[in-house]
């Protein structure tokens, strides 16, 4: 019965109608066009005009401010890129945000995360065989997402390894990708086709 209920919920995610589809070019306001231009000038390029930026375009000023924060957190973060992508996957898993997961799964593997570790995250498990840095980030993100706080022991380990800036950057990264996940969940943004693992509903 539980499996059937999970199947129905997952099917609902897959069949949900996109509430905020792309806005036709001839319907864009000047502010929306400017927001798209600013986004295209970032490292994301034109590929950024998808996913969370489709619903965000409804609020171009919010989009401008969020994408600037995201550009720092994703591309200029003080922690290594593999750990950045691992943290993003954990936020996507927590929110069962399939678009976010599909977009960042290949980036995480390319950055050095073991596919088996990514598979474990998709299944809501602590991965085996993590490096010391990966263990720290997993503990930090897991505690923050599930417990709404970070233990003294975990804080001390991350602070010693990456400094206070690393702690703030890692916390900000978690918050930013939760924000995007929430916006896409409200908009029912389609996940799109992908070979990444499919996320089943997360048991909080």
Protein backbone atom coordinates (compact mmCIF):
# COMPACT_ATOMS: atom_id res chain seq x y z
CA UNK A 1 0.00 0.00 0.00
CA UNK A 2 2.84 2.38 0.87
CA UNK A 3 4.59 1.61 -2.41
CA UNK A 4 1.37 2.27 -4.31
CA UNK A 5 0.89 5.59 -2.52
CA UNK A 6 4.49 6.57 -3.34
CA UNK A 7 3.88 5.62 -6.97
CA UNK A 8 0.77 7.79 -7.12
CA UNK A 9 2.62 10.74 -5.59
CA UNK A 10 5.55 10.36 -7.97
CA UNK A 11 3.14 10.04 -10.90
CA UNK A 12 1.49 13.25 -9.75
CA UNK A 13 4.85 15.01 -9.90
CA UNK A 14 5.46 13.71 -13.41
CA UNK A 15 1.99 14.63 -14.73
CA UNK A 16 1.60 17.99 -12.98
CA UNK A 17 0.83 20.79 -15.42
CA UNK A 18 3.45 23.50 -15.78
CA UNK A 19 1.87 26.55 -14.11
CA UNK A 20 4.46 29.00 -15.39
CA UNK A 21 5.66 27.97 -18.86
CA UNK A 22 8.14 30.06 -20.87
CA UNK A 23 6.86 33.51 -21.73
CA UNK A 24 6.71 34.11 -25.52
CA UNK A 25 9.36 36.57 -26.68
CA UNK A 26 6.77 39.03 -27.97
CA UNK A 27 5.08 39.11 -24.55
CA UNK A 28 8.19 40.00 -22.53
CA UNK A 29 8.30 43.36 -20.77
CA UNK A 30 11.43 45.54 -21.05
CA UNK A 31 12.43 44.53 -17.51
CA UNK A 32 12.04 40.85 -18.36
CA UNK A 33 14.15 41.22 -21.51
CA UNK A 34 16.84 42.99 -19.51
CA UNK A 35 16.79 40.21 -16.89
CA UNK A 36 17.29 37.61 -19.62
CA UNK A 37 20.21 39.59 -21.04
CA UNK A 38 21.85 39.82 -17.61
CA UNK A 39 21.41 36.09 -17.10
CA UNK A 40 22.88 35.25 -20.52
CA UNK A 41 25.99 37.28 -19.62
CA UNK A 42 26.75 34.99 -16.66
CA UNK A 43 28.68 31.69 -16.93
CA UNK A 44 25.31 29.94 -17.39
CA UNK A 45 24.89 31.56 -20.83
CA UNK A 46 21.68 30.94 -22.73
CA UNK A 47 21.33 27.59 -20.95
CA UNK A 48 20.24 29.57 -17.92
CA UNK A 49 16.93 30.45 -19.55
CA UNK A 50 15.31 27.27 -18.27
CA UNK A 51 14.36 25.60 -15.01
CA UNK A 52 13.94 28.07 -12.13
CA UNK A 53 14.58 31.10 -14.32
CA UNK A 54 11.39 30.47 -16.29
CA UNK A 55 9.07 31.13 -13.32
CA UNK A 56 11.50 33.66 -11.83
CA UNK A 57 11.17 35.80 -14.95
CA UNK A 58 7.71 36.74 -13.65
CA UNK A 59 9.58 38.81 -11.05
CA UNK A 60 12.59 40.17 -12.98
CA UNK A 61 14.07 42.16 -10.09
CA UNK A 62 14.00 39.11 -7.82
CA UNK A 63 15.50 37.06 -10.65
CA UNK A 64 18.34 39.58 -11.09
CA UNK A 65 19.19 39.52 -7.40
CA UNK A 66 18.89 35.75 -7.00
CA UNK A 67 20.90 34.89 -10.09
CA UNK A 68 23.74 37.14 -8.87
CA UNK A 69 23.80 35.29 -5.55
CA UNK A 70 23.65 31.98 -7.40
CA UNK A 71 26.51 32.93 -9.71
CA UNK A 72 28.76 33.42 -6.69
CA UNK A 73 27.59 30.32 -4.82
CA UNK A 74 27.86 28.03 -7.83
CA UNK A 75 30.92 29.33 -9.66
CA UNK A 76 33.00 31.28 -7.12
CA UNK A 77 32.29 29.42 -3.89
CA UNK A 78 35.15 29.11 -1.42
CA UNK A 79 34.63 25.33 -1.15
CA UNK A 80 35.67 22.93 -3.96
CA UNK A 81 33.30 22.45 -6.89
CA UNK A 82 32.68 18.76 -6.21
CA UNK A 83 31.43 19.63 -2.73
CA UNK A 84 29.32 22.48 -4.12
CA UNK A 85 27.57 20.06 -6.47
CA UNK A 86 27.18 17.43 -3.75
CA UNK A 87 25.47 19.98 -1.52
CA UNK A 88 23.15 20.99 -4.38
CA UNK A 89 22.17 17.35 -4.91
CA UNK A 90 21.32 17.04 -1.24
CA UNK A 91 19.02 20.07 -1.39
CA UNK A 92 17.38 18.69 -4.55
CA UNK A 93 16.91 15.32 -2.82
CA UNK A 94 15.39 16.93 0.26
CA UNK A 95 12.79 18.75 -1.83
CA UNK A 96 12.35 15.92 -4.37
CA UNK A 97 13.12 18.56 -6.98
CA UNK A 98 13.70 16.53 -10.13
CA UNK A 99 14.70 19.39 -12.45
CA UNK A 100 17.37 20.54 -10.00
CA UNK A 101 18.57 16.96 -9.58
CA UNK A 102 18.66 16.31 -13.34
CA UNK A 103 20.61 19.52 -13.97
CA UNK A 104 23.24 18.92 -11.29
CA UNK A 105 23.68 15.15 -11.23
CA UNK A 106 25.99 15.10 -14.32
CA UNK A 107 27.82 18.19 -13.06
CA UNK A 108 28.45 16.53 -9.70
CA UNK A 109 29.81 13.37 -11.32
CA UNK A 110 31.95 15.42 -13.71
CA UNK A 111 33.34 17.39 -10.75
CA UNK A 112 34.45 14.17 -9.08
CA UNK A 113 31.55 12.81 -7.03
CA UNK A 114 31.35 9.02 -7.25
CA UNK A 115 28.14 7.97 -9.08
CA UNK A 116 27.51 5.43 -6.31
CA UNK A 117 27.55 8.28 -3.80
CA UNK A 118 25.09 10.24 -5.93
CA UNK A 119 22.87 7.14 -6.15
CA UNK A 120 22.89 6.81 -2.35
CA UNK A 121 21.91 10.49 -1.99
CA UNK A 122 19.06 9.91 -4.46
CA UNK A 123 17.87 7.05 -2.26
CA UNK A 124 18.14 9.12 0.91
CA UNK A 125 21.09 7.12 2.28
CA UNK A 126 24.48 8.16 3.61
CA UNK A 127 26.95 7.14 0.91
CA UNK A 128 29.71 4.68 1.76
CA UNK A 129 33.37 5.39 1.03
CA UNK A 130 33.20 9.18 1.20
CA UNK A 131 36.39 11.21 1.49
CA UNK A 132 36.89 13.22 4.66
CA UNK A 133 35.77 16.43 2.94
CA UNK A 134 32.71 14.71 1.46
CA UNK A 135 31.78 13.33 4.89
CA UNK A 136 31.93 16.82 6.38
CA UNK A 137 29.72 18.30 3.68
CA UNK A 138 27.27 15.41 3.87
CA UNK A 139 27.00 15.79 7.65
CA UNK A 140 26.65 19.58 7.43
CA UNK A 141 24.00 19.52 4.70
CA UNK A 142 22.11 16.60 6.19
CA UNK A 143 21.94 18.17 9.63
CA UNK A 144 20.96 21.57 8.26
CA UNK A 145 18.22 20.19 6.00
CA UNK A 146 16.76 17.61 8.35
CA UNK A 147 17.44 18.99 11.83
CA UNK A 148 17.36 22.72 10.98
CA UNK A 149 20.66 23.23 12.79
CA UNK A 150 24.30 22.09 12.62
CA UNK A 151 25.90 20.33 15.58
CA UNK A 152 28.92 21.80 17.33
CA UNK A 153 31.08 18.89 16.20
CA UNK A 154 30.12 19.28 12.53
CA UNK A 155 30.47 23.06 12.67
CA UNK A 156 33.95 22.72 14.20
CA UNK A 157 35.11 20.28 11.52
CA UNK A 158 33.84 22.38 8.60
CA UNK A 159 35.12 25.63 10.13
CA UNK A 160 38.57 24.15 10.73
CA UNK A 161 38.78 22.81 7.17
CA UNK A 162 37.21 25.66 5.18
CA UNK A 163 37.14 28.58 7.60
CA UNK A 164 34.16 30.68 8.62
CA UNK A 165 33.71 31.82 5.02
CA UNK A 166 33.35 28.19 3.98
CA UNK A 167 30.71 27.63 6.65
CA UNK A 168 28.71 30.66 5.48
CA UNK A 169 29.15 29.77 1.80
CA UNK A 170 27.99 26.20 2.41
CA UNK A 171 24.97 27.34 4.43
CA UNK A 172 24.14 29.95 1.77
CA UNK A 173 24.42 27.31 -0.95
CA UNK A 174 21.90 25.10 0.84
CA UNK A 175 19.51 28.01 1.31
CA UNK A 176 19.81 29.22 -2.28
CA UNK A 177 19.04 25.86 -3.85
CA UNK A 178 16.17 25.32 -1.47
CA UNK A 179 14.77 28.65 -2.66
CA UNK A 180 15.01 27.55 -6.29
CA UNK A 181 13.44 24.20 -5.41
CA UNK A 182 10.53 25.92 -3.68
CA UNK A 183 9.92 28.23 -6.64
CA UNK A 184 9.98 25.31 -9.10
CA UNK A 185 7.72 23.25 -6.86
CA UNK A 186 5.17 26.07 -6.77
CA UNK A 187 5.44 26.57 -10.54
CA UNK A 188 5.42 22.80 -11.18
CA UNK A 189 8.40 23.24 -13.47
CA UNK A 190 8.87 20.15 -15.69
CA UNK A 191 11.89 18.01 -14.93
CA UNK A 192 12.72 17.28 -18.56
CA UNK A 193 14.30 14.14 -19.96
CA UNK A 194 17.41 12.87 -18.21
CA UNK A 195 19.38 9.70 -17.49
CA UNK A 196 19.86 10.82 -13.87
CA UNK A 197 18.25 8.70 -11.13
CA UNK A 198 14.57 9.41 -10.56
CA UNK A 199 13.82 10.80 -7.13
CA UNK A 200 11.03 9.11 -5.22
CA UNK A 201 9.09 11.12 -2.61
CA UNK A 202 11.34 11.98 0.34
CA UNK A 203 10.37 10.86 3.81
CA UNK A 204 11.01 13.80 6.12
